[in-house]
Amino acid sequence: MAESTLWWLATGGAIAVELLTGTFYLLMLAVGLAAAALSAHLGMSQTVQIVVAAAVGGGAVVTWHLRQMRRPNQEPPAQANANVNLDIGEIVQVDAWNADGTADVHYRGAHWTALPRNGIVAGTGPHRVVELVGSRLLVDKI
């Protein structure tokens, strides 16, 4: 079996595992394996093929990792992300605040404990849920 065939099989295997795991890094390593297969087609020695696979695959992984590190995280944390938690943005009615700074609110057919967000003056009336802290609703006055 030709050396290039082994490199192409390894490339396909890396892509298959990447599809099962969902990591993008294995795809970058597959690019390195494909570069080694191309160097085998060009008749380069096995040592050069391994160096090409390591350099291209490793370089692609490092480049992708650095690119991901530089990109700011645009998503809020899960407890404050409306795409993760459907309670974010909902309205609750606060009738009174307790002495400990919490309020008992009726929401979704159950009693919840609400907390005002830091720096927000606790007042009665409608409040918007901005975050979940454990089983407590962090709210802002509307």
Protein backbone atom coordinates (compact mmCIF):
# COMPACT_ATOMS: atom_id res chain seq x y z
CA MET A 1 0.00 0.00 0.00
CA ALA A 2 1.33 3.43 -0.91
CA GLU A 3 2.38 5.83 1.85
CA SER A 4 -0.03 8.45 0.55
CA THR A 5 -2.92 5.99 0.99
CA LEU A 6 -2.06 5.58 4.66
CA TRP A 7 -2.00 9.35 5.11
CA TRP A 8 -5.37 9.69 3.37
CA LEU A 9 -6.83 6.94 5.60
CA ALA A 10 -5.51 8.74 8.68
CA THR A 11 -7.04 11.98 7.37
CA GLY A 12 -10.42 10.31 6.90
CA GLY A 13 -10.19 8.75 10.36
CA ALA A 14 -9.45 12.12 11.97
CA ILE A 15 -12.39 13.68 10.15
CA ALA A 16 -14.70 10.84 11.23
CA VAL A 17 -13.67 11.21 14.87
CA GLU A 18 -14.08 14.98 14.60
CA LEU A 19 -17.64 14.50 13.36
CA LEU A 20 -18.38 12.28 16.35
CA THR A 21 -16.84 14.58 18.95
CA GLY A 22 -17.57 18.00 17.46
CA THR A 23 -14.12 19.46 18.15
CA PHE A 24 -12.69 21.71 15.51
CA TYR A 25 -9.11 20.90 16.51
CA LEU A 26 -9.21 17.40 15.00
CA LEU A 27 -10.19 18.97 11.70
CA MET A 28 -7.07 21.13 11.88
CA LEU A 29 -4.97 18.02 12.52
CA ALA A 30 -6.65 16.38 9.52
CA VAL A 31 -5.41 19.29 7.40
CA GLY A 32 -1.89 18.40 8.53
CA LEU A 33 -2.44 14.74 7.65
CA ALA A 34 -3.70 15.74 4.20
CA ALA A 35 -0.59 17.90 3.70
CA ALA A 36 1.53 14.85 4.54
CA ALA A 37 -0.42 12.81 1.97
CA LEU A 38 0.30 15.46 -0.65
CA SER A 39 3.99 15.42 0.26
CA ALA A 40 3.91 11.61 -0.16
CA HIS A 41 2.43 12.11 -3.64
CA LEU A 42 5.36 14.41 -4.41
CA GLY A 43 7.77 11.62 -3.48
CA MET A 44 9.21 13.13 -0.32
CA SER A 45 10.79 10.89 2.32
CA GLN A 46 8.82 9.55 5.25
CA THR A 47 10.69 11.85 7.64
CA VAL A 48 9.69 14.90 5.60
CA GLN A 49 6.09 13.66 5.49
CA ILE A 50 5.96 13.40 9.29
CA VAL A 51 7.51 16.85 9.69
CA VAL A 52 4.98 18.30 7.22
CA ALA A 53 2.08 16.65 9.08
CA ALA A 54 3.32 17.96 12.42
CA ALA A 55 4.11 21.46 11.16
CA VAL A 56 0.93 22.02 9.18
CA GLY A 57 -1.41 20.29 11.66
CA GLY A 58 0.23 21.81 14.73
CA GLY A 59 0.41 25.22 13.11
CA ALA A 60 -3.27 25.07 12.19
CA VAL A 61 -4.22 24.09 15.76
CA VAL A 62 -2.11 26.88 17.29
CA THR A 63 -3.45 29.43 14.79
CA TRP A 64 -7.07 28.43 15.49
CA HIS A 65 -6.51 28.48 19.25
CA LEU A 66 -4.94 31.96 19.15
CA ARG A 67 -7.78 33.20 16.95
CA GLN A 68 -10.35 31.89 19.43
CA MET A 69 -8.49 33.46 22.37
CA ARG A 70 -8.45 36.90 20.71
CA ARG A 71 -12.14 36.87 19.84
CA PRO A 72 -14.16 38.39 22.69
CA ASN A 73 -16.83 36.21 24.21
CA GLN A 74 -20.02 37.87 22.99
CA GLU A 75 -22.37 35.54 24.83
CA PRO A 76 -23.35 36.32 28.42
CA PRO A 77 -22.84 33.53 30.96
CA ALA A 78 -25.45 30.76 30.89
CA GLN A 79 -27.30 32.00 33.97
CA ALA A 80 -27.87 35.37 32.23
CA ASN A 81 -28.28 34.13 28.65
CA ALA A 82 -31.82 34.22 27.28
CA ASN A 83 -30.87 31.61 24.67
CA VAL A 84 -30.06 29.13 27.45
CA ASN A 85 -32.57 30.13 30.10
CA LEU A 86 -36.04 31.13 28.93
CA ASP A 87 -36.80 32.92 32.23
CA ILE A 88 -34.43 35.79 31.33
CA GLY A 89 -36.43 38.83 30.27
CA GLU A 90 -39.71 37.69 31.84
CA ILE A 91 -41.68 40.04 34.08
CA VAL A 92 -42.50 39.33 37.75
CA GLN A 93 -44.56 41.41 40.17
CA VAL A 94 -42.88 42.34 43.46
CA ASP A 95 -45.45 43.36 46.08
CA ALA A 96 -43.07 43.79 49.03
CA TRP A 97 -39.43 43.25 49.94
CA ASN A 98 -38.42 41.25 53.01
CA ALA A 99 -36.03 42.57 55.66
CA ASP A 100 -33.21 40.36 54.30
CA GLY A 101 -33.39 42.05 50.88
CA THR A 102 -35.31 39.27 49.13
CA ALA A 103 -38.87 39.19 47.83
CA ASP A 104 -41.32 36.34 47.44
CA VAL A 105 -42.83 36.40 43.95
CA HIS A 106 -45.34 34.18 42.18
CA TYR A 107 -43.93 33.12 38.83
CA ARG A 108 -44.82 30.20 36.54
CA GLY A 109 -47.28 28.83 39.06
CA ALA A 110 -44.77 28.61 41.91
CA HIS A 111 -43.25 30.79 44.63
CA TRP A 112 -39.76 32.08 43.85
CA THR A 113 -37.29 34.20 45.75
CA ALA A 114 -36.26 37.37 43.96
CA LEU A 115 -33.14 39.46 44.58
CA PRO A 116 -32.46 42.97 43.29
CA ARG A 117 -29.36 43.31 41.12
CA ASN A 118 -26.43 45.05 42.84
CA GLY A 119 -26.79 48.80 42.73
CA ILE A 120 -30.53 48.66 42.00
CA VAL A 121 -32.91 50.25 44.48
CA ALA A 122 -35.46 47.67 45.59
CA GLY A 123 -38.95 48.96 44.85
CA THR A 124 -42.34 47.36 44.41
CA GLY A 125 -44.04 46.81 41.09
CA PRO A 126 -43.05 45.00 37.90
CA HIS A 127 -39.46 43.74 37.60
CA ARG A 128 -37.61 42.05 34.75
CA VAL A 129 -35.65 38.83 35.37
CA VAL A 130 -32.03 39.44 34.31
CA GLU A 131 -30.31 36.37 35.73
CA LEU A 132 -30.86 33.18 37.69
CA VAL A 133 -28.66 32.68 40.74
CA GLY A 134 -29.24 29.09 41.76
CA SER A 135 -33.00 28.96 42.30
CA ARG A 136 -33.35 32.70 42.86
CA LEU A 137 -34.38 35.33 40.33
CA LEU A 138 -32.09 38.35 40.00
CA VAL A 139 -34.36 41.23 38.94
CA ASP A 140 -34.24 44.85 37.74
CA LYS A 141 -36.99 47.40 38.29
CA ILE A 142 -38.80 48.28 35.09
